[in-house]
């Protein structure tokens, strides 16, 4: 079994055997862009025996901060674990020394936390904060955290609605946020709230002047 398929199938013993024969596989990019850690963490994530696979790759010397070698961004495996809402792999990568503040994400070249909240991966986002990630104003708004960081209040208002956070939205509105701004995915804050199932928040936004 080739290492790529072994990672996806959770065939840890087969993977270890291949790594023993060729240790360079721990750093290889079978498709020219992704390392085996990227294969492990790629969306939708939650592969069988994922934490054991992670351990095998780390023991073989895999770089937990290796960037994706694509044309538009340079996400690390932690970014991809966050985008897949895979808390177990987030913990495993951080325990193995992954940089929680590594940048290069598809969301504004930002961190794993930026990817997590933007894609609505709330378990991942909260776990990253628990593990020490520094939230931007937008991340704080989306997660209902203290709004202490600097940033665009209109964008943060949209993020608060996306995250279903009424108190944060009210605070940002009082700071001058525009509740009619058309933001990401061509959605207004009201539409972003409805997409996430926050109907009461969406109704409140809809009646704003």
N, C-alpha and C. Protein backbone atom coordinates (compact mmCIF):
# COMPACT_ATOMS: atom_id res chain seq x y z
N UNK A 1 0.86 -1.20 0.00
CA UNK A 1 0.00 0.00 0.00
C UNK A 1 0.89 1.24 0.00
N UNK A 2 0.56 2.20 -0.88
CA UNK A 2 1.38 3.41 -0.90
C UNK A 2 1.03 4.29 0.30
N UNK A 3 1.96 5.14 0.73
CA UNK A 3 1.76 5.94 1.95
C UNK A 3 0.52 6.83 1.90
N UNK A 4 0.23 7.40 0.75
CA UNK A 4 -0.94 8.26 0.59
C UNK A 4 -2.20 7.50 0.96
N UNK A 5 -2.38 6.32 0.39
CA UNK A 5 -3.57 5.51 0.67
C UNK A 5 -3.56 5.00 2.10
N UNK A 6 -2.38 4.70 2.62
CA UNK A 6 -2.29 4.23 4.00
C UNK A 6 -2.75 5.30 4.98
N UNK A 7 -2.38 6.55 4.73
CA UNK A 7 -2.82 7.65 5.59
C UNK A 7 -4.34 7.78 5.53
N UNK A 8 -4.90 7.76 4.35
CA UNK A 8 -6.34 7.97 4.21
C UNK A 8 -7.15 6.81 4.77
N UNK A 9 -6.59 5.62 4.74
CA UNK A 9 -7.31 4.44 5.22
C UNK A 9 -7.05 4.14 6.69
N UNK A 10 -6.14 4.86 7.31
CA UNK A 10 -5.80 4.58 8.70
C UNK A 10 -5.02 3.29 8.86
N UNK A 11 -4.29 2.92 7.83
CA UNK A 11 -3.46 1.71 7.88
C UNK A 11 -2.09 2.08 8.47
N UNK A 12 -2.07 2.26 9.77
CA UNK A 12 -0.89 2.79 10.44
C UNK A 12 0.30 1.85 10.32
N UNK A 13 0.06 0.56 10.45
CA UNK A 13 1.16 -0.40 10.37
C UNK A 13 1.80 -0.37 8.98
N UNK A 14 0.97 -0.28 7.95
CA UNK A 14 1.50 -0.20 6.59
C UNK A 14 2.28 1.09 6.39
N UNK A 15 1.77 2.17 6.96
CA UNK A 15 2.48 3.45 6.86
C UNK A 15 3.83 3.37 7.55
N UNK A 16 3.86 2.82 8.76
CA UNK A 16 5.13 2.69 9.48
C UNK A 16 6.13 1.85 8.68
N UNK A 17 5.64 0.81 8.04
CA UNK A 17 6.53 -0.04 7.25
C UNK A 17 7.13 0.74 6.09
N UNK A 18 6.31 1.55 5.42
CA UNK A 18 6.80 2.34 4.29
C UNK A 18 7.79 3.42 4.76
N UNK A 19 7.51 4.01 5.91
CA UNK A 19 8.42 5.02 6.45
C UNK A 19 9.75 4.40 6.86
N UNK A 20 9.70 3.17 7.37
CA UNK A 20 10.95 2.49 7.75
C UNK A 20 11.81 2.20 6.52
N UNK A 21 11.14 1.86 5.41
CA UNK A 21 11.87 1.59 4.18
C UNK A 21 12.43 2.86 3.54
N UNK A 22 11.65 3.95 3.67
CA UNK A 22 12.05 5.21 3.03
C UNK A 22 11.68 6.39 3.93
N UNK A 23 12.57 6.75 4.86
CA UNK A 23 12.27 7.84 5.80
C UNK A 23 11.96 9.17 5.13
N UNK A 24 12.41 9.37 3.90
CA UNK A 24 12.15 10.64 3.21
C UNK A 24 10.67 10.86 2.94
N UNK A 25 9.87 9.80 3.03
CA UNK A 25 8.43 9.95 2.80
C UNK A 25 7.78 10.89 3.81
N UNK A 26 8.39 11.01 4.99
CA UNK A 26 7.83 11.91 6.01
C UNK A 26 7.82 13.35 5.54
N UNK A 27 8.69 13.68 4.59
CA UNK A 27 8.77 15.05 4.07
C UNK A 27 8.28 15.15 2.62
N UNK A 28 7.90 14.03 2.06
CA UNK A 28 7.56 14.01 0.63
C UNK A 28 6.24 14.71 0.36
N UNK A 29 6.09 15.16 -0.88
CA UNK A 29 4.84 15.73 -1.36
C UNK A 29 4.39 14.88 -2.56
N UNK A 30 3.61 13.85 -2.31
CA UNK A 30 3.27 12.91 -3.38
C UNK A 30 2.61 13.56 -4.60
N UNK A 31 1.85 14.63 -4.39
CA UNK A 31 1.22 15.31 -5.52
C UNK A 31 1.93 16.61 -5.88
N UNK A 32 3.09 16.84 -5.27
CA UNK A 32 3.85 18.05 -5.53
C UNK A 32 3.45 19.22 -4.66
N UNK A 33 2.37 19.10 -3.93
CA UNK A 33 1.88 20.22 -3.13
C UNK A 33 1.66 19.86 -1.66
N UNK A 34 1.11 18.69 -1.40
CA UNK A 34 0.73 18.30 -0.05
C UNK A 34 1.71 17.30 0.55
N UNK A 35 2.05 17.53 1.81
CA UNK A 35 2.76 16.51 2.56
C UNK A 35 1.76 15.46 3.04
N UNK A 36 2.26 14.38 3.61
CA UNK A 36 1.35 13.38 4.16
C UNK A 36 0.56 13.92 5.34
N UNK A 37 1.11 14.89 6.06
CA UNK A 37 0.33 15.53 7.13
C UNK A 37 -0.81 16.34 6.55
N UNK A 38 -0.61 16.94 5.38
CA UNK A 38 -1.72 17.63 4.72
C UNK A 38 -2.79 16.63 4.26
N UNK A 39 -2.35 15.50 3.76
CA UNK A 39 -3.31 14.46 3.38
C UNK A 39 -4.14 14.04 4.60
N UNK A 40 -3.48 13.91 5.72
CA UNK A 40 -4.15 13.49 6.96
C UNK A 40 -5.18 14.50 7.42
N UNK A 41 -4.89 15.77 7.26
CA UNK A 41 -5.75 16.82 7.81
C UNK A 41 -6.69 17.44 6.78
N UNK A 42 -6.58 17.03 5.54
CA UNK A 42 -7.39 17.64 4.48
C UNK A 42 -8.88 17.44 4.74
N UNK A 43 -9.68 18.42 4.29
CA UNK A 43 -11.14 18.36 4.46
C UNK A 43 -11.69 17.12 3.76
N UNK A 44 -12.67 16.43 4.34
CA UNK A 44 -13.41 16.77 5.56
C UNK A 44 -12.77 16.27 6.86
N UNK A 45 -11.57 15.71 6.79
CA UNK A 45 -10.87 15.30 8.00
C UNK A 45 -11.48 14.08 8.66
N UNK A 46 -11.11 13.88 9.92
CA UNK A 46 -11.66 12.80 10.75
C UNK A 46 -11.42 11.43 10.12
N UNK A 47 -10.21 11.24 9.61
CA UNK A 47 -9.85 9.95 9.03
C UNK A 47 -9.70 8.90 10.12
N UNK A 48 -9.84 7.63 9.77
CA UNK A 48 -9.67 6.58 10.80
C UNK A 48 -8.24 6.56 11.35
N UNK A 49 -8.17 6.37 12.66
CA UNK A 49 -6.89 6.26 13.39
C UNK A 49 -5.98 7.47 13.11
N UNK A 50 -6.59 8.62 13.02
CA UNK A 50 -5.85 9.82 12.61
C UNK A 50 -4.76 10.19 13.61
N UNK A 51 -5.05 10.11 14.90
CA UNK A 51 -4.02 10.51 15.86
C UNK A 51 -2.84 9.53 15.85
N UNK A 52 -3.11 8.25 15.60
CA UNK A 52 -2.02 7.29 15.48
C UNK A 52 -1.19 7.56 14.23
N UNK A 53 -1.86 7.91 13.16
CA UNK A 53 -1.16 8.26 11.92
C UNK A 53 -0.29 9.49 12.14
N UNK A 54 -0.84 10.48 12.82
CA UNK A 54 -0.07 11.68 13.14
C UNK A 54 1.18 11.31 13.93
N UNK A 55 1.02 10.47 14.92
CA UNK A 55 2.16 10.08 15.75
C UNK A 55 3.23 9.39 14.90
N UNK A 56 2.82 8.52 13.99
CA UNK A 56 3.78 7.82 13.14
C UNK A 56 4.55 8.79 12.26
N UNK A 57 3.87 9.77 11.71
CA UNK A 57 4.53 10.73 10.84
C UNK A 57 5.47 11.65 11.63
N UNK A 58 5.03 12.07 12.80
CA UNK A 58 5.88 12.93 13.63
C UNK A 58 7.12 12.17 14.08
N UNK A 59 6.94 10.93 14.48
CA UNK A 59 8.09 10.11 14.89
C UNK A 59 9.09 9.94 13.75
N UNK A 60 8.57 9.95 12.52
CA UNK A 60 9.44 9.80 11.35
C UNK A 60 10.08 11.11 10.92
N UNK A 61 9.74 12.20 11.61
CA UNK A 61 10.37 13.48 11.32
C UNK A 61 9.58 14.43 10.47
N UNK A 62 8.28 14.19 10.31
CA UNK A 62 7.46 15.10 9.50
C UNK A 62 7.45 16.50 10.11
N UNK A 63 7.44 17.50 9.25
CA UNK A 63 7.42 18.90 9.67
C UNK A 63 5.98 19.33 9.91
N UNK A 64 5.64 19.55 11.18
CA UNK A 64 4.25 19.89 11.50
C UNK A 64 3.86 21.28 11.00
N UNK A 65 4.84 22.10 10.64
CA UNK A 65 4.56 23.44 10.13
C UNK A 65 4.82 23.56 8.64
N UNK A 66 4.92 22.45 7.94
CA UNK A 66 5.17 22.50 6.50
C UNK A 66 4.03 23.23 5.80
N UNK A 67 4.35 24.21 4.94
CA UNK A 67 3.29 24.92 4.23
C UNK A 67 2.82 24.15 3.00
N UNK A 68 1.57 24.31 2.69
CA UNK A 68 1.04 23.79 1.43
C UNK A 68 1.74 24.52 0.29
N UNK A 69 2.12 23.78 -0.73
CA UNK A 69 2.89 24.36 -1.83
C UNK A 69 2.00 24.68 -3.03
N UNK A 70 0.85 25.26 -2.76
CA UNK A 70 -0.07 25.62 -3.83
C UNK A 70 0.16 27.03 -4.32
N UNK A 71 -0.61 27.47 -5.32
CA UNK A 71 -0.37 28.77 -5.92
C UNK A 71 -0.94 29.96 -5.14
N UNK A 72 -1.90 29.73 -4.26
CA UNK A 72 -2.62 30.87 -3.68
C UNK A 72 -2.48 31.02 -2.17
N UNK A 73 -1.99 30.00 -1.49
CA UNK A 73 -1.84 30.11 -0.05
C UNK A 73 -0.82 29.09 0.42
N UNK A 74 -0.49 29.15 1.70
CA UNK A 74 0.57 28.31 2.25
C UNK A 74 0.13 27.73 3.58
N UNK A 75 -1.03 27.11 3.61
CA UNK A 75 -1.59 26.61 4.86
C UNK A 75 -0.79 25.43 5.41
N UNK A 76 -0.63 25.42 6.71
CA UNK A 76 0.01 24.31 7.40
C UNK A 76 -1.03 23.23 7.69
N UNK A 77 -0.60 22.04 8.11
CA UNK A 77 -1.57 21.03 8.53
C UNK A 77 -2.52 21.52 9.63
N UNK A 78 -2.06 22.40 10.49
CA UNK A 78 -2.94 22.94 11.54
C UNK A 78 -4.08 23.74 10.92
N UNK A 79 -3.80 24.52 9.88
CA UNK A 79 -4.87 25.23 9.19
C UNK A 79 -5.93 24.25 8.69
N UNK A 80 -5.46 23.16 8.11
CA UNK A 80 -6.41 22.21 7.52
C UNK A 80 -7.17 21.43 8.57
N UNK A 81 -6.53 21.10 9.67
CA UNK A 81 -7.25 20.46 10.77
C UNK A 81 -8.33 21.39 11.31
N UNK A 82 -8.01 22.69 11.38
CA UNK A 82 -9.00 23.67 11.84
C UNK A 82 -10.16 23.77 10.86
N UNK A 83 -9.87 23.78 9.57
CA UNK A 83 -10.92 23.87 8.56
C UNK A 83 -11.80 22.63 8.54
N UNK A 84 -11.28 21.52 9.05
CA UNK A 84 -12.04 20.27 9.12
C UNK A 84 -12.71 20.07 10.48
N UNK A 85 -12.57 21.04 11.38
CA UNK A 85 -13.14 20.96 12.73
C UNK A 85 -12.67 19.72 13.47
N UNK A 86 -11.41 19.36 13.24
CA UNK A 86 -10.84 18.14 13.80
C UNK A 86 -10.04 18.48 15.05
N UNK A 87 -10.71 18.51 16.19
CA UNK A 87 -10.10 18.94 17.44
C UNK A 87 -8.99 17.99 17.88
N UNK A 88 -9.18 16.70 17.66
CA UNK A 88 -8.16 15.74 18.07
C UNK A 88 -6.84 15.99 17.34
N UNK A 89 -6.92 16.28 16.04
CA UNK A 89 -5.69 16.55 15.30
C UNK A 89 -5.12 17.92 15.64
N UNK A 90 -5.97 18.88 15.96
CA UNK A 90 -5.47 20.17 16.43
C UNK A 90 -4.63 19.96 17.68
N UNK A 91 -5.15 19.21 18.63
CA UNK A 91 -4.41 18.94 19.86
C UNK A 91 -3.12 18.19 19.56
N UNK A 92 -3.21 17.19 18.70
CA UNK A 92 -2.02 16.40 18.39
C UNK A 92 -0.93 17.22 17.72
N UNK A 93 -1.32 18.07 16.78
CA UNK A 93 -0.34 18.91 16.10
C UNK A 93 0.29 19.91 17.05
N UNK A 94 -0.53 20.53 17.90
CA UNK A 94 0.02 21.50 18.86
C UNK A 94 0.92 20.80 19.88
N UNK A 95 0.53 19.62 20.32
CA UNK A 95 1.37 18.87 21.25
C UNK A 95 2.70 18.50 20.60
N UNK A 96 2.69 18.37 19.27
CA UNK A 96 3.92 18.03 18.54
C UNK A 96 4.73 19.26 18.17
N UNK A 97 4.27 20.45 18.59
CA UNK A 97 5.05 21.66 18.39
C UNK A 97 4.60 22.56 17.27
N UNK A 98 3.42 22.32 16.69
CA UNK A 98 2.94 23.19 15.62
C UNK A 98 2.77 24.62 16.11
N UNK A 99 3.07 25.57 15.24
CA UNK A 99 2.95 27.00 15.55
C UNK A 99 1.50 27.42 15.42
N UNK A 100 0.88 27.74 16.55
CA UNK A 100 -0.54 28.08 16.56
C UNK A 100 -0.82 29.39 15.83
N UNK A 101 0.21 30.23 15.68
CA UNK A 101 0.03 31.52 15.02
C UNK A 101 0.61 31.54 13.60
N UNK A 102 0.93 30.37 13.06
CA UNK A 102 1.45 30.31 11.69
C UNK A 102 0.44 30.92 10.73
N UNK A 103 0.95 31.72 9.80
CA UNK A 103 0.07 32.38 8.84
C UNK A 103 0.16 31.68 7.49
N UNK A 104 -0.58 32.20 6.53
CA UNK A 104 -0.59 31.60 5.21
C UNK A 104 -1.94 31.01 4.84
N UNK A 105 -2.95 31.24 5.68
CA UNK A 105 -4.26 30.64 5.45
C UNK A 105 -5.00 31.20 4.25
N UNK A 106 -5.97 30.45 3.79
CA UNK A 106 -6.78 30.86 2.64
C UNK A 106 -7.64 32.08 3.01
N UNK A 107 -7.91 32.27 4.28
CA UNK A 107 -8.67 33.43 4.74
C UNK A 107 -7.69 34.54 5.10
N UNK A 108 -7.45 35.42 4.14
CA UNK A 108 -6.61 36.58 4.37
C UNK A 108 -5.19 36.29 4.75
N UNK A 109 -4.66 35.15 4.31
CA UNK A 109 -3.30 34.75 4.67
C UNK A 109 -3.13 34.67 6.18
N UNK A 110 -4.21 34.34 6.88
CA UNK A 110 -4.20 34.38 8.34
C UNK A 110 -3.85 33.06 8.98
N UNK A 111 -4.27 32.93 10.24
CA UNK A 111 -3.92 31.79 11.07
C UNK A 111 -4.97 30.69 10.97
N UNK A 112 -4.70 29.58 11.65
CA UNK A 112 -5.68 28.50 11.71
C UNK A 112 -6.98 28.97 12.35
N UNK A 113 -6.89 29.85 13.35
CA UNK A 113 -8.10 30.38 13.97
C UNK A 113 -8.92 31.19 12.98
N UNK A 114 -8.27 31.94 12.11
CA UNK A 114 -8.99 32.70 11.10
C UNK A 114 -9.76 31.77 10.17
N UNK A 115 -9.11 30.69 9.76
CA UNK A 115 -9.80 29.71 8.91
C UNK A 115 -10.98 29.09 9.66
N UNK A 116 -10.77 28.75 10.92
CA UNK A 116 -11.79 28.04 11.68
C UNK A 116 -13.07 28.86 11.82
N UNK A 117 -12.95 30.11 12.29
CA UNK A 117 -14.18 30.87 12.48
C UNK A 117 -14.83 31.23 11.15
N UNK A 118 -14.02 31.54 10.14
CA UNK A 118 -14.58 31.94 8.85
C UNK A 118 -15.39 30.81 8.21
N UNK A 119 -14.92 29.57 8.39
CA UNK A 119 -15.62 28.42 7.82
C UNK A 119 -16.67 27.85 8.77
N UNK A 120 -16.90 28.52 9.89
CA UNK A 120 -17.92 28.06 10.83
C UNK A 120 -17.55 26.77 11.53
N UNK A 121 -16.27 26.54 11.72
CA UNK A 121 -15.80 25.34 12.42
C UNK A 121 -15.61 25.71 13.89
N UNK A 122 -16.71 25.73 14.61
CA UNK A 122 -16.73 26.36 15.93
C UNK A 122 -16.00 25.54 16.98
N UNK A 123 -16.05 24.22 16.92
CA UNK A 123 -15.29 23.43 17.89
C UNK A 123 -13.79 23.69 17.74
N UNK A 124 -13.34 23.73 16.50
CA UNK A 124 -11.93 24.00 16.25
C UNK A 124 -11.55 25.39 16.72
N UNK A 125 -12.39 26.36 16.40
CA UNK A 125 -12.07 27.74 16.77
C UNK A 125 -11.95 27.89 18.28
N UNK A 126 -12.88 27.32 19.00
CA UNK A 126 -12.84 27.44 20.46
C UNK A 126 -11.65 26.69 21.06
N UNK A 127 -11.33 25.54 20.46
CA UNK A 127 -10.19 24.80 20.97
C UNK A 127 -8.89 25.55 20.74
N UNK A 128 -8.77 26.19 19.59
CA UNK A 128 -7.56 26.97 19.31
C UNK A 128 -7.41 28.12 20.31
N UNK A 129 -8.52 28.77 20.64
CA UNK A 129 -8.46 29.83 21.65
C UNK A 129 -8.06 29.25 22.99
N UNK A 130 -8.63 28.10 23.35
CA UNK A 130 -8.27 27.45 24.61
C UNK A 130 -6.77 27.12 24.66
N UNK A 131 -6.21 26.79 23.49
CA UNK A 131 -4.80 26.42 23.43
C UNK A 131 -3.88 27.62 23.27
N UNK A 132 -4.46 28.83 23.23
CA UNK A 132 -3.61 30.01 23.26
C UNK A 132 -3.58 30.86 22.01
N UNK A 133 -4.40 30.55 21.01
CA UNK A 133 -4.45 31.38 19.80
C UNK A 133 -4.95 32.78 20.14
N UNK A 134 -4.38 33.76 19.49
CA UNK A 134 -4.76 35.16 19.73
C UNK A 134 -5.85 35.56 18.74
N UNK A 135 -7.06 35.86 19.23
CA UNK A 135 -8.13 36.19 18.31
C UNK A 135 -8.03 37.62 17.79
N UNK A 136 -8.28 37.79 16.50
CA UNK A 136 -8.48 39.12 15.94
C UNK A 136 -9.82 39.65 16.41
N UNK A 137 -10.11 40.90 16.08
CA UNK A 137 -11.43 41.45 16.41
C UNK A 137 -12.53 40.62 15.76
N UNK A 138 -12.32 40.19 14.54
CA UNK A 138 -13.35 39.42 13.84
C UNK A 138 -13.56 38.06 14.51
N UNK A 139 -12.47 37.40 14.86
CA UNK A 139 -12.59 36.10 15.53
C UNK A 139 -13.29 36.26 16.87
N UNK A 140 -12.92 37.30 17.62
CA UNK A 140 -13.54 37.53 18.92
C UNK A 140 -15.04 37.78 18.76
N UNK A 141 -15.41 38.55 17.75
CA UNK A 141 -16.83 38.82 17.51
C UNK A 141 -17.58 37.54 17.16
N UNK A 142 -16.99 36.73 16.30
CA UNK A 142 -17.65 35.49 15.87
C UNK A 142 -17.82 34.50 17.01
N UNK A 143 -16.92 34.56 17.99
CA UNK A 143 -16.94 33.60 19.09
C UNK A 143 -17.54 34.17 20.37
N UNK A 144 -17.92 35.44 20.35
CA UNK A 144 -18.49 36.04 21.55
C UNK A 144 -17.48 36.28 22.64
N UNK A 145 -16.24 36.58 22.25
CA UNK A 145 -15.17 36.86 23.21
C UNK A 145 -15.04 38.36 23.42
N UNK A 146 -14.27 38.80 24.41
CA UNK A 146 -14.07 40.25 24.60
C UNK A 146 -13.52 40.91 23.34
N UNK A 147 -14.10 42.07 23.02
CA UNK A 147 -13.76 42.76 21.77
C UNK A 147 -12.65 43.77 22.02
N UNK A 148 -11.48 43.27 22.35
CA UNK A 148 -10.37 44.15 22.74
C UNK A 148 -9.42 44.49 21.60
N UNK A 149 -9.40 43.69 20.56
CA UNK A 149 -8.44 43.90 19.47
C UNK A 149 -8.90 45.04 18.56
N UNK A 150 -7.95 45.60 17.84
CA UNK A 150 -8.28 46.61 16.84
C UNK A 150 -8.80 45.91 15.58
N UNK A 151 -9.57 46.66 14.80
CA UNK A 151 -10.07 46.08 13.56
C UNK A 151 -11.28 46.84 13.05
N UNK A 152 -11.76 46.44 11.90
CA UNK A 152 -12.91 47.06 11.24
C UNK A 152 -14.19 46.60 11.93
N UNK A 153 -14.93 47.54 12.51
CA UNK A 153 -16.11 47.16 13.28
C UNK A 153 -17.24 46.64 12.39
N UNK A 154 -17.31 47.12 11.15
CA UNK A 154 -18.34 46.62 10.24
C UNK A 154 -18.07 45.17 9.87
N UNK A 155 -16.82 44.87 9.55
CA UNK A 155 -16.47 43.49 9.26
C UNK A 155 -16.70 42.60 10.49
N UNK A 156 -16.38 43.12 11.65
CA UNK A 156 -16.57 42.36 12.88
C UNK A 156 -18.05 42.15 13.18
N UNK A 157 -18.90 43.12 12.85
CA UNK A 157 -20.35 42.96 13.02
C UNK A 157 -20.84 41.79 12.17
N UNK A 158 -20.37 41.73 10.93
CA UNK A 158 -20.73 40.61 10.06
C UNK A 158 -20.29 39.30 10.70
N UNK A 159 -19.06 39.27 11.23
CA UNK A 159 -18.55 38.05 11.85
C UNK A 159 -19.39 37.66 13.06
N UNK A 160 -19.82 38.63 13.84
CA UNK A 160 -20.66 38.35 15.00
C UNK A 160 -21.98 37.70 14.56
N UNK A 161 -22.55 38.20 13.48
CA UNK A 161 -23.80 37.62 12.98
C UNK A 161 -23.55 36.22 12.44
N UNK A 162 -22.46 36.05 11.75
CA UNK A 162 -22.06 34.73 11.24
C UNK A 162 -21.92 33.73 12.39
N UNK A 163 -21.45 34.20 13.52
CA UNK A 163 -21.27 33.33 14.68
C UNK A 163 -22.47 33.28 15.62
N UNK A 164 -23.54 34.03 15.29
CA UNK A 164 -24.72 34.02 16.13
C UNK A 164 -24.54 34.72 17.46
N UNK A 165 -23.73 35.76 17.48
CA UNK A 165 -23.35 36.43 18.73
C UNK A 165 -24.05 37.79 18.84
N UNK A 166 -25.25 37.81 19.45
CA UNK A 166 -26.05 39.03 19.54
C UNK A 166 -25.36 40.10 20.39
N UNK A 167 -24.80 39.75 21.53
CA UNK A 167 -24.18 40.76 22.40
C UNK A 167 -23.01 41.43 21.69
N UNK A 168 -22.21 40.65 21.00
CA UNK A 168 -21.09 41.24 20.26
C UNK A 168 -21.60 42.15 19.15
N UNK A 169 -22.64 41.72 18.47
CA UNK A 169 -23.21 42.54 17.40
C UNK A 169 -23.73 43.86 17.94
N UNK A 170 -24.38 43.84 19.08
CA UNK A 170 -24.89 45.07 19.67
C UNK A 170 -23.75 46.02 20.04
N UNK A 171 -22.69 45.47 20.62
CA UNK A 171 -21.54 46.30 20.98
C UNK A 171 -20.92 46.94 19.75
N UNK A 172 -20.78 46.18 18.68
CA UNK A 172 -20.16 46.69 17.46
C UNK A 172 -21.06 47.68 16.75
N UNK A 173 -22.36 47.47 16.83
CA UNK A 173 -23.29 48.45 16.26
C UNK A 173 -23.14 49.78 16.98
N UNK A 174 -23.01 49.73 18.30
CA UNK A 174 -22.83 50.96 19.08
C UNK A 174 -21.52 51.66 18.74
N UNK A 175 -20.55 50.92 18.21
CA UNK A 175 -19.27 51.50 17.81
C UNK A 175 -19.28 52.01 16.37
N UNK A 176 -20.43 51.88 15.72
CA UNK A 176 -20.55 52.46 14.38
C UNK A 176 -20.57 51.48 13.23
N UNK A 177 -20.75 50.20 13.49
CA UNK A 177 -20.77 49.20 12.41
C UNK A 177 -21.95 49.43 11.48
N UNK A 178 -21.75 49.13 10.22
CA UNK A 178 -22.80 49.23 9.21
C UNK A 178 -23.49 47.88 9.09
N UNK A 179 -24.75 47.77 9.54
CA UNK A 179 -25.43 46.47 9.53
C UNK A 179 -25.92 46.05 8.14
N UNK A 180 -25.72 46.89 7.14
CA UNK A 180 -26.18 46.56 5.78
C UNK A 180 -25.02 46.18 4.86
N UNK A 181 -23.82 46.13 5.39
CA UNK A 181 -22.66 45.80 4.55
C UNK A 181 -22.80 44.41 3.96
N UNK A 182 -22.54 44.28 2.69
CA UNK A 182 -22.54 42.98 2.03
C UNK A 182 -21.13 42.41 2.10
N UNK A 183 -20.97 41.35 2.87
CA UNK A 183 -19.64 40.82 3.16
C UNK A 183 -19.32 39.55 2.41
N UNK A 184 -18.67 38.64 3.09
CA UNK A 184 -18.19 37.42 2.47
C UNK A 184 -19.35 36.56 1.97
N UNK A 185 -19.08 35.82 0.91
CA UNK A 185 -20.09 34.98 0.26
C UNK A 185 -21.26 35.81 -0.26
N UNK A 186 -21.01 37.14 -0.42
CA UNK A 186 -22.05 38.06 -0.91
C UNK A 186 -23.28 38.06 0.00
N UNK A 187 -23.05 37.91 1.29
CA UNK A 187 -24.14 37.90 2.26
C UNK A 187 -24.12 39.15 3.12
N UNK A 188 -25.28 39.66 3.45
CA UNK A 188 -25.40 40.70 4.47
C UNK A 188 -25.26 40.05 5.84
N UNK A 189 -25.07 40.85 6.89
CA UNK A 189 -25.04 40.26 8.23
C UNK A 189 -26.31 39.47 8.56
N UNK A 190 -27.46 40.00 8.14
CA UNK A 190 -28.71 39.27 8.38
C UNK A 190 -28.68 37.90 7.70
N UNK A 191 -28.25 37.87 6.46
CA UNK A 191 -28.21 36.61 5.73
C UNK A 191 -27.18 35.64 6.33
N UNK A 192 -26.06 36.20 6.80
CA UNK A 192 -25.04 35.35 7.43
C UNK A 192 -25.60 34.70 8.69
N UNK A 193 -26.37 35.46 9.46
CA UNK A 193 -26.98 34.91 10.68
C UNK A 193 -28.00 33.83 10.33
N UNK A 194 -28.80 34.07 9.31
CA UNK A 194 -29.81 33.07 8.93
C UNK A 194 -29.15 31.78 8.44
N UNK A 195 -28.06 31.92 7.70
CA UNK A 195 -27.36 30.74 7.21
C UNK A 195 -26.89 29.85 8.36
N UNK A 196 -26.51 30.49 9.47
CA UNK A 196 -26.03 29.74 10.63
C UNK A 196 -27.15 29.31 11.57
N UNK A 197 -28.40 29.61 11.20
CA UNK A 197 -29.52 29.21 12.03
C UNK A 197 -29.82 30.14 13.18
N UNK A 198 -29.20 31.33 13.19
CA UNK A 198 -29.43 32.30 14.26
C UNK A 198 -30.59 33.22 13.87
N UNK A 199 -31.80 32.68 13.85
CA UNK A 199 -32.94 33.40 13.30
C UNK A 199 -33.33 34.61 14.15
N UNK A 200 -33.22 34.50 15.47
CA UNK A 200 -33.59 35.65 16.31
C UNK A 200 -32.62 36.81 16.08
N UNK A 201 -31.36 36.50 15.97
CA UNK A 201 -30.38 37.54 15.67
C UNK A 201 -30.64 38.14 14.28
N UNK A 202 -30.94 37.30 13.32
CA UNK A 202 -31.22 37.79 11.97
C UNK A 202 -32.45 38.70 11.97
N UNK A 203 -33.47 38.35 12.72
CA UNK A 203 -34.67 39.19 12.80
C UNK A 203 -34.35 40.55 13.41
N UNK A 204 -33.48 40.53 14.43
CA UNK A 204 -33.06 41.80 15.05
C UNK A 204 -32.31 42.68 14.06
N UNK A 205 -31.39 42.09 13.32
CA UNK A 205 -30.64 42.86 12.32
C UNK A 205 -31.57 43.40 11.25
N UNK A 206 -32.55 42.62 10.86
CA UNK A 206 -33.47 43.03 9.79
C UNK A 206 -34.26 44.28 10.15
N UNK A 207 -34.53 44.48 11.43
CA UNK A 207 -35.34 45.64 11.82
C UNK A 207 -34.49 46.87 12.16
N UNK A 208 -33.17 46.77 12.02
CA UNK A 208 -32.33 47.92 12.29
C UNK A 208 -32.52 48.98 11.22
N UNK A 209 -32.46 50.25 11.59
CA UNK A 209 -32.63 51.31 10.58
C UNK A 209 -31.45 51.35 9.61
